[in-house]
């Protein structure tokens, strides 16, 4: 029997939760540079303004993938994407993960696999799961770190603390009247939705989260 979430059903214009962890649950990000390099590869392949050099794949993955959310934790990562072409995710994950493993193994003088098997890709089939998943991803640093100040997630882009044209925040924010809270009882903002710890997104998402 295949492992849960190992069978990937890829469809055009589908929303997906992509995630993986280090082999034997080992850390895959050991210092600030490691996080920065992984994000560099996401930007390289998703930023429509980044030119590709001679010999590079001329096909811009920004035409095939929208990145809605991400969070990098010491031993795993989460991505929430929409793929507009049937092979967009395959191309993105192959490019980012292969380059990152090459960088990591060279830096730390190691050989072999870094990730625990192939990445998982779970199709999100309704709006409720989409919103809860975005919250689950952005709350990954909690309670150890404040999600609003965590440097290696996309939450700062939703609160307008950061800006990047390789991130798409518009679609998820369209479900809310505003991004930031205007008072403590503001239930119409994305920030208020994230801060509402009374609803456990992990329970709502069930098998769609990292075990």
N, C-alpha and C. Protein backbone atom coordinates (compact mmCIF):
# COMPACT_ATOMS: atom_id res chain seq x y z
N UNK A 1 0.84 -1.20 0.00
CA UNK A 1 0.00 0.00 0.00
C UNK A 1 0.87 1.25 0.00
N UNK A 2 0.56 2.24 -0.79
CA UNK A 2 1.35 3.47 -0.78
C UNK A 2 1.14 4.23 0.51
N UNK A 3 2.16 5.02 0.89
CA UNK A 3 2.05 5.85 2.08
C UNK A 3 1.00 6.92 1.86
N UNK A 4 0.40 7.38 2.95
CA UNK A 4 -0.63 8.42 2.85
C UNK A 4 -0.07 9.65 2.15
N UNK A 5 -0.84 10.18 1.20
CA UNK A 5 -0.50 11.38 0.45
C UNK A 5 0.66 11.18 -0.53
N UNK A 6 1.11 9.94 -0.73
CA UNK A 6 2.21 9.72 -1.67
C UNK A 6 1.70 9.59 -3.11
N UNK A 7 0.42 9.26 -3.28
CA UNK A 7 -0.17 9.19 -4.61
C UNK A 7 -0.68 10.57 -4.97
N UNK A 8 -0.11 11.14 -6.02
CA UNK A 8 -0.39 12.53 -6.36
C UNK A 8 -1.38 12.60 -7.51
N UNK A 9 -2.45 13.30 -7.31
CA UNK A 9 -3.46 13.53 -8.34
C UNK A 9 -3.29 14.96 -8.82
N UNK A 10 -2.65 15.15 -9.93
CA UNK A 10 -2.36 16.48 -10.43
C UNK A 10 -3.42 16.92 -11.43
N UNK A 11 -3.95 18.10 -11.20
CA UNK A 11 -4.94 18.67 -12.11
C UNK A 11 -4.56 20.11 -12.41
N UNK A 12 -4.99 20.59 -13.55
CA UNK A 12 -4.78 22.00 -13.87
C UNK A 12 -5.64 22.88 -12.97
N UNK A 13 -5.07 24.02 -12.57
CA UNK A 13 -5.76 25.00 -11.73
C UNK A 13 -6.18 24.42 -10.37
N UNK A 14 -5.41 23.43 -9.90
CA UNK A 14 -5.67 22.84 -8.60
C UNK A 14 -4.82 23.48 -7.52
N UNK A 15 -5.38 23.58 -6.31
CA UNK A 15 -4.65 24.07 -5.14
C UNK A 15 -4.04 22.87 -4.42
N UNK A 16 -2.78 23.01 -4.00
CA UNK A 16 -2.07 21.89 -3.39
C UNK A 16 -1.28 22.32 -2.16
N UNK A 17 -1.27 21.43 -1.19
CA UNK A 17 -0.37 21.54 -0.04
C UNK A 17 0.83 20.64 -0.33
N UNK A 18 2.00 21.26 -0.47
CA UNK A 18 3.24 20.53 -0.71
C UNK A 18 4.09 20.58 0.55
N UNK A 19 4.62 19.45 0.95
CA UNK A 19 5.45 19.45 2.14
C UNK A 19 6.40 18.26 2.16
N UNK A 20 7.46 18.41 2.94
CA UNK A 20 8.40 17.32 3.15
C UNK A 20 9.24 17.65 4.37
N UNK A 21 9.86 16.63 4.93
CA UNK A 21 10.75 16.82 6.08
C UNK A 21 12.09 16.16 5.80
N UNK A 22 13.04 16.40 6.69
CA UNK A 22 14.35 15.80 6.55
C UNK A 22 14.31 14.30 6.81
N UNK A 23 15.20 13.57 6.13
CA UNK A 23 15.29 12.13 6.34
C UNK A 23 15.59 11.88 7.82
N UNK A 24 14.93 10.88 8.39
CA UNK A 24 15.03 10.56 9.82
C UNK A 24 14.67 11.77 10.69
N UNK A 25 13.85 12.65 10.13
CA UNK A 25 13.39 13.86 10.82
C UNK A 25 14.54 14.80 11.21
N UNK A 26 15.64 14.71 10.49
CA UNK A 26 16.79 15.56 10.76
C UNK A 26 16.51 16.98 10.27
N UNK A 27 17.25 17.94 10.81
CA UNK A 27 17.10 19.32 10.38
C UNK A 27 17.62 19.49 8.96
N UNK A 28 16.88 20.25 8.18
CA UNK A 28 17.30 20.55 6.80
C UNK A 28 17.70 22.02 6.64
N UNK A 29 17.45 22.82 7.68
CA UNK A 29 17.89 24.21 7.72
C UNK A 29 18.67 24.39 9.02
N UNK A 30 19.98 24.60 8.90
CA UNK A 30 20.83 24.66 10.09
C UNK A 30 21.22 26.07 10.47
N UNK A 31 21.13 27.01 9.54
CA UNK A 31 21.46 28.39 9.87
C UNK A 31 20.69 29.32 8.93
N UNK A 32 20.87 30.61 9.12
CA UNK A 32 20.11 31.60 8.34
C UNK A 32 20.38 31.48 6.85
N UNK A 33 21.62 31.16 6.49
CA UNK A 33 21.95 31.03 5.08
C UNK A 33 21.14 29.92 4.41
N UNK A 34 20.93 28.82 5.12
CA UNK A 34 20.17 27.70 4.54
C UNK A 34 18.74 28.12 4.20
N UNK A 35 18.09 28.80 5.12
CA UNK A 35 16.74 29.30 4.84
C UNK A 35 16.75 30.24 3.63
N UNK A 36 17.75 31.13 3.61
CA UNK A 36 17.84 32.13 2.55
C UNK A 36 18.04 31.47 1.19
N UNK A 37 18.87 30.43 1.14
CA UNK A 37 19.13 29.75 -0.13
C UNK A 37 17.87 29.06 -0.65
N UNK A 38 17.12 28.40 0.22
CA UNK A 38 15.89 27.74 -0.21
C UNK A 38 14.91 28.77 -0.77
N UNK A 39 14.78 29.89 -0.07
CA UNK A 39 13.88 30.95 -0.56
C UNK A 39 14.40 31.57 -1.86
N UNK A 40 15.72 31.62 -1.99
CA UNK A 40 16.32 32.13 -3.23
C UNK A 40 15.87 31.29 -4.43
N UNK A 41 15.83 29.97 -4.25
CA UNK A 41 15.42 29.12 -5.36
C UNK A 41 13.92 29.26 -5.66
N UNK A 42 13.11 29.44 -4.63
CA UNK A 42 11.70 29.71 -4.89
C UNK A 42 11.55 30.99 -5.72
N UNK A 43 12.27 32.03 -5.31
CA UNK A 43 12.20 33.29 -6.04
C UNK A 43 12.74 33.13 -7.46
N UNK A 44 13.82 32.42 -7.61
CA UNK A 44 14.44 32.25 -8.93
C UNK A 44 13.47 31.66 -9.94
N UNK A 45 12.68 30.69 -9.50
CA UNK A 45 11.80 30.01 -10.43
C UNK A 45 10.39 30.59 -10.50
N UNK A 46 10.03 31.44 -9.53
CA UNK A 46 8.67 31.97 -9.51
C UNK A 46 8.57 33.47 -9.77
N UNK A 47 9.68 34.19 -9.71
CA UNK A 47 9.66 35.63 -9.93
C UNK A 47 9.71 35.90 -11.44
N UNK A 48 8.68 36.48 -12.01
CA UNK A 48 8.67 36.71 -13.46
C UNK A 48 9.68 37.74 -13.92
N UNK A 49 10.28 38.49 -12.99
CA UNK A 49 11.26 39.52 -13.38
C UNK A 49 12.69 39.02 -13.34
N UNK A 50 12.92 37.81 -12.81
CA UNK A 50 14.28 37.28 -12.73
C UNK A 50 14.67 36.69 -14.08
N UNK A 51 15.72 37.23 -14.73
CA UNK A 51 16.12 36.70 -16.04
C UNK A 51 16.82 35.36 -15.91
N UNK A 52 16.62 34.49 -16.86
CA UNK A 52 17.30 33.21 -16.90
C UNK A 52 18.54 33.36 -17.78
N UNK A 53 19.66 32.82 -17.32
CA UNK A 53 20.91 32.93 -18.04
C UNK A 53 20.98 31.98 -19.22
N UNK A 54 22.05 32.09 -19.98
CA UNK A 54 22.27 31.21 -21.12
C UNK A 54 22.36 29.77 -20.64
N UNK A 55 21.62 28.89 -21.28
CA UNK A 55 21.63 27.49 -20.89
C UNK A 55 20.59 27.15 -19.85
N UNK A 56 19.92 28.14 -19.29
CA UNK A 56 18.87 27.87 -18.30
C UNK A 56 17.58 27.51 -19.00
N UNK A 57 16.71 26.85 -18.24
CA UNK A 57 15.39 26.56 -18.77
C UNK A 57 14.68 27.88 -19.04
N UNK A 58 14.32 28.19 -20.27
CA UNK A 58 13.71 29.49 -20.57
C UNK A 58 12.27 29.60 -20.12
N UNK A 59 11.68 28.47 -19.70
CA UNK A 59 10.27 28.49 -19.34
C UNK A 59 10.10 29.02 -17.92
N UNK A 60 9.42 30.13 -17.78
CA UNK A 60 9.21 30.72 -16.46
C UNK A 60 8.11 29.98 -15.72
N UNK A 61 8.45 29.44 -14.57
CA UNK A 61 7.45 28.71 -13.80
C UNK A 61 6.40 29.62 -13.20
N UNK A 62 6.65 30.92 -13.20
CA UNK A 62 5.62 31.85 -12.73
C UNK A 62 4.38 31.79 -13.61
N UNK A 63 4.52 31.27 -14.82
CA UNK A 63 3.38 31.10 -15.70
C UNK A 63 2.59 29.84 -15.36
N UNK A 64 3.19 28.96 -14.55
CA UNK A 64 2.57 27.68 -14.25
C UNK A 64 2.20 27.50 -12.78
N UNK A 65 2.79 28.30 -11.90
CA UNK A 65 2.60 28.13 -10.46
C UNK A 65 2.33 29.48 -9.81
N UNK A 66 1.33 29.53 -8.93
CA UNK A 66 1.13 30.64 -8.01
C UNK A 66 1.45 30.14 -6.61
N UNK A 67 2.32 30.85 -5.91
CA UNK A 67 2.66 30.50 -4.53
C UNK A 67 1.81 31.36 -3.60
N UNK A 68 0.98 30.72 -2.77
CA UNK A 68 0.07 31.43 -1.87
C UNK A 68 0.59 31.50 -0.44
N UNK A 69 1.33 30.51 0.00
CA UNK A 69 1.84 30.52 1.37
C UNK A 69 3.03 29.57 1.48
N UNK A 70 3.92 29.89 2.42
CA UNK A 70 5.03 28.98 2.70
C UNK A 70 5.46 29.15 4.15
N UNK A 71 6.08 28.13 4.67
CA UNK A 71 6.74 28.21 5.97
C UNK A 71 7.88 27.20 6.00
N UNK A 72 9.05 27.67 6.35
CA UNK A 72 10.22 26.81 6.49
C UNK A 72 10.52 26.66 7.97
N UNK A 73 10.51 25.43 8.45
CA UNK A 73 10.84 25.11 9.83
C UNK A 73 12.15 24.31 9.84
N UNK A 74 12.80 24.18 10.98
CA UNK A 74 14.12 23.54 10.98
C UNK A 74 14.18 22.19 10.27
N UNK A 75 13.16 21.34 10.42
CA UNK A 75 13.26 20.01 9.81
C UNK A 75 12.19 19.73 8.75
N UNK A 76 11.44 20.75 8.34
CA UNK A 76 10.45 20.52 7.29
C UNK A 76 10.03 21.84 6.64
N UNK A 77 9.29 21.72 5.55
CA UNK A 77 8.76 22.92 4.89
C UNK A 77 7.33 22.66 4.42
N UNK A 78 6.58 23.75 4.26
CA UNK A 78 5.22 23.71 3.72
C UNK A 78 5.11 24.74 2.61
N UNK A 79 4.42 24.38 1.53
CA UNK A 79 4.09 25.31 0.46
C UNK A 79 2.61 25.14 0.13
N UNK A 80 1.94 26.23 -0.12
CA UNK A 80 0.56 26.20 -0.62
C UNK A 80 0.57 26.86 -1.99
N UNK A 81 0.24 26.09 -3.01
CA UNK A 81 0.37 26.59 -4.38
C UNK A 81 -0.89 26.29 -5.18
N UNK A 82 -1.00 27.01 -6.28
CA UNK A 82 -1.98 26.69 -7.31
C UNK A 82 -1.20 26.42 -8.58
N UNK A 83 -1.40 25.26 -9.17
CA UNK A 83 -0.70 24.98 -10.42
C UNK A 83 -1.64 25.18 -11.59
N UNK A 84 -1.19 25.99 -12.53
CA UNK A 84 -2.02 26.32 -13.68
C UNK A 84 -1.79 25.37 -14.86
N UNK A 85 -0.70 24.61 -14.80
CA UNK A 85 -0.45 23.59 -15.81
C UNK A 85 -0.28 22.25 -15.11
N UNK A 86 -0.47 21.18 -15.82
CA UNK A 86 -0.49 19.85 -15.22
C UNK A 86 0.87 19.44 -14.66
N UNK A 87 1.96 20.03 -15.18
CA UNK A 87 3.29 19.64 -14.74
C UNK A 87 4.00 20.72 -13.92
N UNK A 88 3.28 21.77 -13.56
CA UNK A 88 3.91 22.88 -12.86
C UNK A 88 4.57 22.49 -11.55
N UNK A 89 3.88 21.74 -10.71
CA UNK A 89 4.42 21.34 -9.41
C UNK A 89 5.65 20.46 -9.60
N UNK A 90 5.56 19.50 -10.50
CA UNK A 90 6.70 18.61 -10.74
C UNK A 90 7.94 19.39 -11.12
N UNK A 91 7.80 20.37 -12.00
CA UNK A 91 8.94 21.18 -12.43
C UNK A 91 9.49 22.01 -11.27
N UNK A 92 8.59 22.64 -10.51
CA UNK A 92 9.03 23.49 -9.41
C UNK A 92 9.76 22.70 -8.34
N UNK A 93 9.18 21.59 -7.90
CA UNK A 93 9.79 20.82 -6.81
C UNK A 93 11.10 20.18 -7.25
N UNK A 94 11.16 19.74 -8.48
CA UNK A 94 12.42 19.17 -8.97
C UNK A 94 13.51 20.23 -8.99
N UNK A 95 13.17 21.43 -9.47
CA UNK A 95 14.18 22.48 -9.58
C UNK A 95 14.63 22.96 -8.20
N UNK A 96 13.68 23.27 -7.31
CA UNK A 96 14.03 23.82 -6.01
C UNK A 96 14.74 22.80 -5.14
N UNK A 97 14.16 21.61 -5.01
CA UNK A 97 14.72 20.62 -4.09
C UNK A 97 16.06 20.07 -4.57
N UNK A 98 16.20 19.83 -5.87
CA UNK A 98 17.48 19.33 -6.39
C UNK A 98 18.59 20.34 -6.14
N UNK A 99 18.33 21.60 -6.44
CA UNK A 99 19.35 22.63 -6.23
C UNK A 99 19.66 22.81 -4.75
N UNK A 100 18.65 22.73 -3.91
CA UNK A 100 18.90 22.91 -2.48
C UNK A 100 19.72 21.76 -1.91
N UNK A 101 19.40 20.53 -2.29
CA UNK A 101 20.17 19.38 -1.80
C UNK A 101 21.62 19.47 -2.24
N UNK A 102 21.87 19.87 -3.47
CA UNK A 102 23.24 20.03 -3.95
C UNK A 102 23.97 21.07 -3.11
N UNK A 103 23.31 22.19 -2.85
CA UNK A 103 23.92 23.23 -2.00
C UNK A 103 24.20 22.70 -0.60
N UNK A 104 23.22 22.05 0.01
CA UNK A 104 23.33 21.58 1.39
C UNK A 104 24.45 20.54 1.52
N UNK A 105 24.48 19.57 0.62
CA UNK A 105 25.49 18.51 0.70
C UNK A 105 26.89 19.06 0.50
N UNK A 106 27.03 20.02 -0.39
CA UNK A 106 28.35 20.62 -0.60
C UNK A 106 28.79 21.42 0.62
N UNK A 107 27.88 22.20 1.18
CA UNK A 107 28.22 23.04 2.33
C UNK A 107 28.61 22.21 3.54
N UNK A 108 27.86 21.13 3.79
CA UNK A 108 28.09 20.35 5.00
C UNK A 108 28.88 19.06 4.74
N UNK A 109 29.46 18.96 3.53
CA UNK A 109 30.34 17.85 3.17
C UNK A 109 29.70 16.49 3.45
N UNK A 110 28.52 16.33 2.89
CA UNK A 110 27.79 15.08 3.06
C UNK A 110 27.33 14.58 1.70
N UNK A 111 26.87 13.34 1.64
CA UNK A 111 26.34 12.76 0.41
C UNK A 111 25.01 12.10 0.72
N UNK A 112 24.25 11.82 -0.32
CA UNK A 112 23.01 11.09 -0.14
C UNK A 112 21.79 11.99 -0.04
N UNK A 113 20.67 11.34 0.24
CA UNK A 113 19.40 12.04 0.28
C UNK A 113 19.28 12.94 1.49
N UNK A 114 18.55 14.00 1.36
CA UNK A 114 18.32 14.94 2.46
C UNK A 114 16.88 14.86 2.94
N UNK A 115 15.95 14.64 2.02
CA UNK A 115 14.54 14.63 2.36
C UNK A 115 14.02 13.22 2.60
N UNK A 116 12.94 13.12 3.35
CA UNK A 116 12.32 11.85 3.68
C UNK A 116 11.43 11.40 2.53
N UNK A 117 12.05 10.79 1.54
CA UNK A 117 11.30 10.35 0.36
C UNK A 117 10.88 11.51 -0.50
N UNK A 118 9.93 11.25 -1.40
CA UNK A 118 9.42 12.30 -2.27
C UNK A 118 8.50 13.23 -1.50
N UNK A 119 8.44 14.45 -1.97
CA UNK A 119 7.53 15.42 -1.35
C UNK A 119 6.09 14.94 -1.44
N UNK A 120 5.28 15.40 -0.50
CA UNK A 120 3.84 15.07 -0.51
C UNK A 120 3.10 16.20 -1.21
N UNK A 121 2.09 15.86 -1.96
CA UNK A 121 1.26 16.84 -2.68
C UNK A 121 -0.19 16.48 -2.48
N UNK A 122 -0.92 17.31 -1.74
CA UNK A 122 -2.31 17.01 -1.39
C UNK A 122 -3.22 18.03 -2.06
N UNK A 123 -4.17 17.54 -2.83
CA UNK A 123 -5.13 18.40 -3.54
C UNK A 123 -6.14 18.97 -2.54
N UNK A 124 -6.29 20.29 -2.56
CA UNK A 124 -7.25 20.98 -1.70
C UNK A 124 -8.53 21.18 -2.51
N UNK A 125 -9.64 20.65 -2.00
CA UNK A 125 -10.84 20.58 -2.83
C UNK A 125 -11.98 21.49 -2.39
N UNK A 126 -11.79 22.32 -1.35
CA UNK A 126 -12.83 23.29 -1.01
C UNK A 126 -12.22 24.50 -0.33
N UNK A 127 -12.98 25.60 -0.30
CA UNK A 127 -12.47 26.86 0.22
C UNK A 127 -12.14 26.79 1.70
N UNK A 128 -12.93 26.05 2.47
CA UNK A 128 -12.69 25.96 3.90
C UNK A 128 -11.31 25.34 4.18
N UNK A 129 -10.99 24.26 3.48
CA UNK A 129 -9.68 23.64 3.66
C UNK A 129 -8.58 24.58 3.23
N UNK A 130 -8.81 25.32 2.16
CA UNK A 130 -7.81 26.26 1.67
C UNK A 130 -7.47 27.30 2.75
N UNK A 131 -8.48 27.89 3.36
CA UNK A 131 -8.25 28.92 4.36
C UNK A 131 -7.63 28.34 5.63
N UNK A 132 -8.14 27.21 6.08
CA UNK A 132 -7.56 26.59 7.28
C UNK A 132 -6.12 26.15 7.04
N UNK A 133 -5.83 25.71 5.83
CA UNK A 133 -4.46 25.31 5.52
C UNK A 133 -3.53 26.51 5.54
N UNK A 134 -3.97 27.64 5.01
CA UNK A 134 -3.12 28.83 5.05
C UNK A 134 -2.84 29.22 6.50
N UNK A 135 -3.85 29.08 7.37
CA UNK A 135 -3.63 29.40 8.78
C UNK A 135 -2.69 28.39 9.43
N UNK A 136 -2.91 27.11 9.14
CA UNK A 136 -2.04 26.07 9.69
C UNK A 136 -0.57 26.33 9.31
N UNK A 137 -0.35 26.70 8.05
CA UNK A 137 1.02 26.97 7.60
C UNK A 137 1.60 28.17 8.32
N UNK A 138 0.83 29.24 8.44
CA UNK A 138 1.35 30.46 9.06
C UNK A 138 1.48 30.34 10.57
N UNK A 139 0.79 29.38 11.18
CA UNK A 139 0.91 29.17 12.62
C UNK A 139 1.96 28.12 12.96
N UNK A 140 2.66 27.58 11.98
CA UNK A 140 3.66 26.56 12.25
C UNK A 140 4.70 26.98 13.29
N UNK A 141 5.16 28.23 13.28
CA UNK A 141 6.17 28.62 14.29
C UNK A 141 5.62 28.71 15.70
N UNK A 142 4.30 28.80 15.86
CA UNK A 142 3.66 28.96 17.17
C UNK A 142 3.58 27.61 17.88
N UNK A 143 3.84 27.53 19.21
CA UNK A 143 4.04 28.64 20.15
C UNK A 143 5.50 29.03 20.37
N UNK A 144 6.43 28.36 19.69
CA UNK A 144 7.84 28.68 19.93
C UNK A 144 8.24 30.07 19.48
N UNK A 145 7.64 30.55 18.41
CA UNK A 145 7.95 31.87 17.87
C UNK A 145 6.66 32.59 17.51
N UNK A 146 6.73 33.90 17.50
CA UNK A 146 5.58 34.71 17.08
C UNK A 146 5.45 34.63 15.57
N UNK A 147 4.35 34.09 15.05
CA UNK A 147 4.19 33.97 13.59
C UNK A 147 4.35 35.29 12.85
N UNK A 148 3.99 36.41 13.49
CA UNK A 148 4.06 37.70 12.81
C UNK A 148 5.50 38.17 12.59
N UNK A 149 6.40 37.70 13.43
CA UNK A 149 7.80 38.14 13.31
C UNK A 149 8.72 37.03 12.82
N UNK A 150 8.15 35.87 12.49
CA UNK A 150 8.96 34.76 12.01
C UNK A 150 9.45 35.07 10.60
N UNK A 151 10.74 34.96 10.38
CA UNK A 151 11.33 35.43 9.12
C UNK A 151 11.14 34.50 7.94
N UNK A 152 10.79 33.25 8.20
CA UNK A 152 10.83 32.27 7.12
C UNK A 152 9.45 31.72 6.78
N UNK A 153 8.46 32.60 6.82
CA UNK A 153 7.13 32.25 6.35
C UNK A 153 6.57 33.40 5.54
N UNK A 154 5.44 33.17 4.91
CA UNK A 154 4.83 34.18 4.05
C UNK A 154 3.87 35.10 4.80
N UNK A 155 3.72 34.91 6.11
CA UNK A 155 2.74 35.70 6.85
C UNK A 155 3.02 37.20 6.76
N UNK A 156 4.28 37.57 6.78
CA UNK A 156 4.64 38.98 6.67
C UNK A 156 4.15 39.63 5.39
N UNK A 157 4.06 38.86 4.31
CA UNK A 157 3.55 39.39 3.05
C UNK A 157 2.05 39.69 3.16
N UNK A 158 1.34 38.89 3.94
CA UNK A 158 -0.10 39.11 4.12
C UNK A 158 -0.37 40.35 4.98
N UNK A 159 0.57 40.69 5.86
CA UNK A 159 0.40 41.85 6.72
C UNK A 159 1.09 43.09 6.15
N UNK A 160 1.55 42.99 4.89
CA UNK A 160 2.21 44.10 4.18
C UNK A 160 3.52 44.52 4.83
N UNK A 161 4.13 43.64 5.60
CA UNK A 161 5.45 43.91 6.16
C UNK A 161 6.54 43.62 5.13
N UNK A 162 6.21 42.79 4.15
CA UNK A 162 7.13 42.44 3.07
C UNK A 162 6.36 42.51 1.76
N UNK A 163 7.11 42.56 0.67
CA UNK A 163 6.49 42.62 -0.64
C UNK A 163 7.33 41.83 -1.63
N UNK A 164 6.68 41.01 -2.45
CA UNK A 164 7.40 40.24 -3.46
C UNK A 164 6.43 39.87 -4.57
N UNK A 165 6.88 39.98 -5.82
CA UNK A 165 5.98 39.64 -6.91
C UNK A 165 6.00 38.15 -7.25
N UNK A 166 6.72 37.35 -6.44
CA UNK A 166 6.65 35.90 -6.60
C UNK A 166 5.72 35.27 -5.57
N UNK A 167 5.05 36.12 -4.78
CA UNK A 167 4.05 35.69 -3.80
C UNK A 167 2.68 36.19 -4.24
N UNK A 168 1.66 35.37 -4.13
CA UNK A 168 0.30 35.77 -4.44
C UNK A 168 -0.52 35.74 -3.16
N UNK A 169 -0.85 36.90 -2.62
CA UNK A 169 -1.67 36.98 -1.41
C UNK A 169 -3.11 37.38 -1.72
N UNK A 170 -3.35 37.79 -2.94
CA UNK A 170 -4.65 38.38 -3.30
C UNK A 170 -5.80 37.40 -3.15
N UNK A 171 -5.61 36.16 -3.60
CA UNK A 171 -6.73 35.22 -3.64
C UNK A 171 -7.23 34.88 -2.23
N UNK A 172 -6.34 34.59 -1.31
CA UNK A 172 -6.77 34.25 0.05
C UNK A 172 -7.30 35.48 0.77
N UNK A 173 -6.67 36.63 0.57
CA UNK A 173 -7.16 37.84 1.23
C UNK A 173 -8.52 38.27 0.69
N UNK A 174 -8.90 37.79 -0.49
CA UNK A 174 -10.20 38.17 -1.05
C UNK A 174 -11.36 37.62 -0.22
N UNK A 175 -11.09 36.65 0.65
CA UNK A 175 -12.13 36.11 1.51
C UNK A 175 -12.37 37.00 2.74
N UNK A 176 -11.52 38.01 2.93
CA UNK A 176 -11.60 38.85 4.12
C UNK A 176 -11.77 40.32 3.71
N UNK A 177 -12.34 41.11 4.60
CA UNK A 177 -12.54 42.52 4.31
C UNK A 177 -11.22 43.29 4.35
N UNK A 178 -10.30 42.83 5.15
CA UNK A 178 -9.00 43.51 5.27
C UNK A 178 -7.96 42.51 5.74
N UNK A 179 -6.70 42.89 5.62
CA UNK A 179 -5.61 42.01 6.03
C UNK A 179 -5.32 42.13 7.52
N UNK A 180 -5.23 43.37 8.00
CA UNK A 180 -4.84 43.61 9.39
C UNK A 180 -6.05 43.86 10.27
N UNK A 181 -5.88 43.58 11.54
CA UNK A 181 -6.92 43.87 12.52
C UNK A 181 -7.00 45.38 12.77
N UNK A 182 -8.20 45.85 13.03
CA UNK A 182 -8.37 47.25 13.43
C UNK A 182 -8.73 47.34 14.91
N UNK A 183 -9.15 46.24 15.51
CA UNK A 183 -9.36 46.18 16.96
C UNK A 183 -9.29 44.71 17.39
N UNK A 184 -9.31 44.48 18.69
CA UNK A 184 -9.13 43.14 19.21
C UNK A 184 -10.27 42.19 18.86
N UNK A 185 -11.43 42.73 18.55
CA UNK A 185 -12.58 41.90 18.23
C UNK A 185 -12.86 41.85 16.73
N UNK A 186 -11.88 42.23 15.95
CA UNK A 186 -12.04 42.26 14.50
C UNK A 186 -12.05 40.83 13.95
N UNK A 187 -13.21 40.38 13.50
CA UNK A 187 -13.34 39.04 12.94
C UNK A 187 -13.40 39.05 11.41
N UNK A 188 -13.13 40.19 10.82
CA UNK A 188 -13.23 40.31 9.37
C UNK A 188 -11.86 40.46 8.70
N UNK A 189 -10.80 40.32 9.48
CA UNK A 189 -9.46 40.48 8.93
C UNK A 189 -8.76 39.12 8.88
N UNK A 190 -7.80 39.00 7.98
CA UNK A 190 -6.99 37.78 7.90
C UNK A 190 -6.17 37.62 9.17
N UNK A 191 -5.66 38.71 9.68
CA UNK A 191 -4.88 38.65 10.91
C UNK A 191 -5.72 38.11 12.07
N UNK A 192 -6.99 38.56 12.15
CA UNK A 192 -7.88 38.04 13.17
C UNK A 192 -8.14 36.55 13.00
N UNK A 193 -8.28 36.11 11.76
CA UNK A 193 -8.47 34.69 11.46
C UNK A 193 -7.27 33.87 11.93
N UNK A 194 -6.07 34.37 11.68
CA UNK A 194 -4.87 33.66 12.10
C UNK A 194 -4.77 33.62 13.62
N UNK A 195 -5.10 34.73 14.26
CA UNK A 195 -4.96 34.83 15.71
C UNK A 195 -6.01 34.03 16.49
N UNK A 196 -7.04 33.58 15.82
CA UNK A 196 -8.12 32.87 16.50
C UNK A 196 -7.68 31.43 16.77
N UNK A 197 -7.06 31.23 17.94
CA UNK A 197 -6.55 29.90 18.28
C UNK A 197 -7.63 28.97 18.83
N UNK A 198 -8.85 29.47 18.95
CA UNK A 198 -9.91 28.63 19.50
C UNK A 198 -10.30 27.51 18.53
N UNK A 199 -10.10 27.77 17.25
CA UNK A 199 -10.37 26.75 16.24
C UNK A 199 -9.05 26.11 15.87
N UNK A 200 -8.96 24.81 16.01
CA UNK A 200 -7.71 24.11 15.73
C UNK A 200 -7.68 23.69 14.26
N UNK A 201 -6.89 24.38 13.47
CA UNK A 201 -6.84 24.09 12.04
C UNK A 201 -6.34 22.68 11.76
N UNK A 202 -5.44 22.18 12.60
CA UNK A 202 -4.90 20.85 12.37
C UNK A 202 -5.99 19.79 12.48
N UNK A 203 -6.91 19.96 13.45
CA UNK A 203 -8.02 19.03 13.57
C UNK A 203 -8.94 19.13 12.36
N UNK A 204 -9.19 20.35 11.91
CA UNK A 204 -10.06 20.54 10.74
C UNK A 204 -9.47 19.91 9.49
N UNK A 205 -8.14 20.01 9.35
CA UNK A 205 -7.48 19.54 8.14
C UNK A 205 -7.28 18.04 8.14
N UNK A 206 -7.27 17.42 9.29
CA UNK A 206 -7.14 15.97 9.36
C UNK A 206 -5.87 15.47 8.72
N UNK A 207 -6.01 14.60 7.72
CA UNK A 207 -4.86 13.95 7.10
C UNK A 207 -4.08 14.81 6.14
N UNK A 208 -4.43 16.10 6.00
CA UNK A 208 -3.72 16.94 5.05
C UNK A 208 -2.49 17.60 5.65
N UNK A 209 -2.18 17.33 6.93
CA UNK A 209 -1.06 17.98 7.59
C UNK A 209 0.10 17.00 7.76
N UNK A 210 1.26 17.58 8.06
CA UNK A 210 2.46 16.77 8.25
C UNK A 210 2.35 15.97 9.53
N UNK A 211 2.61 14.68 9.45
CA UNK A 211 2.53 13.81 10.63
C UNK A 211 3.77 13.99 11.49
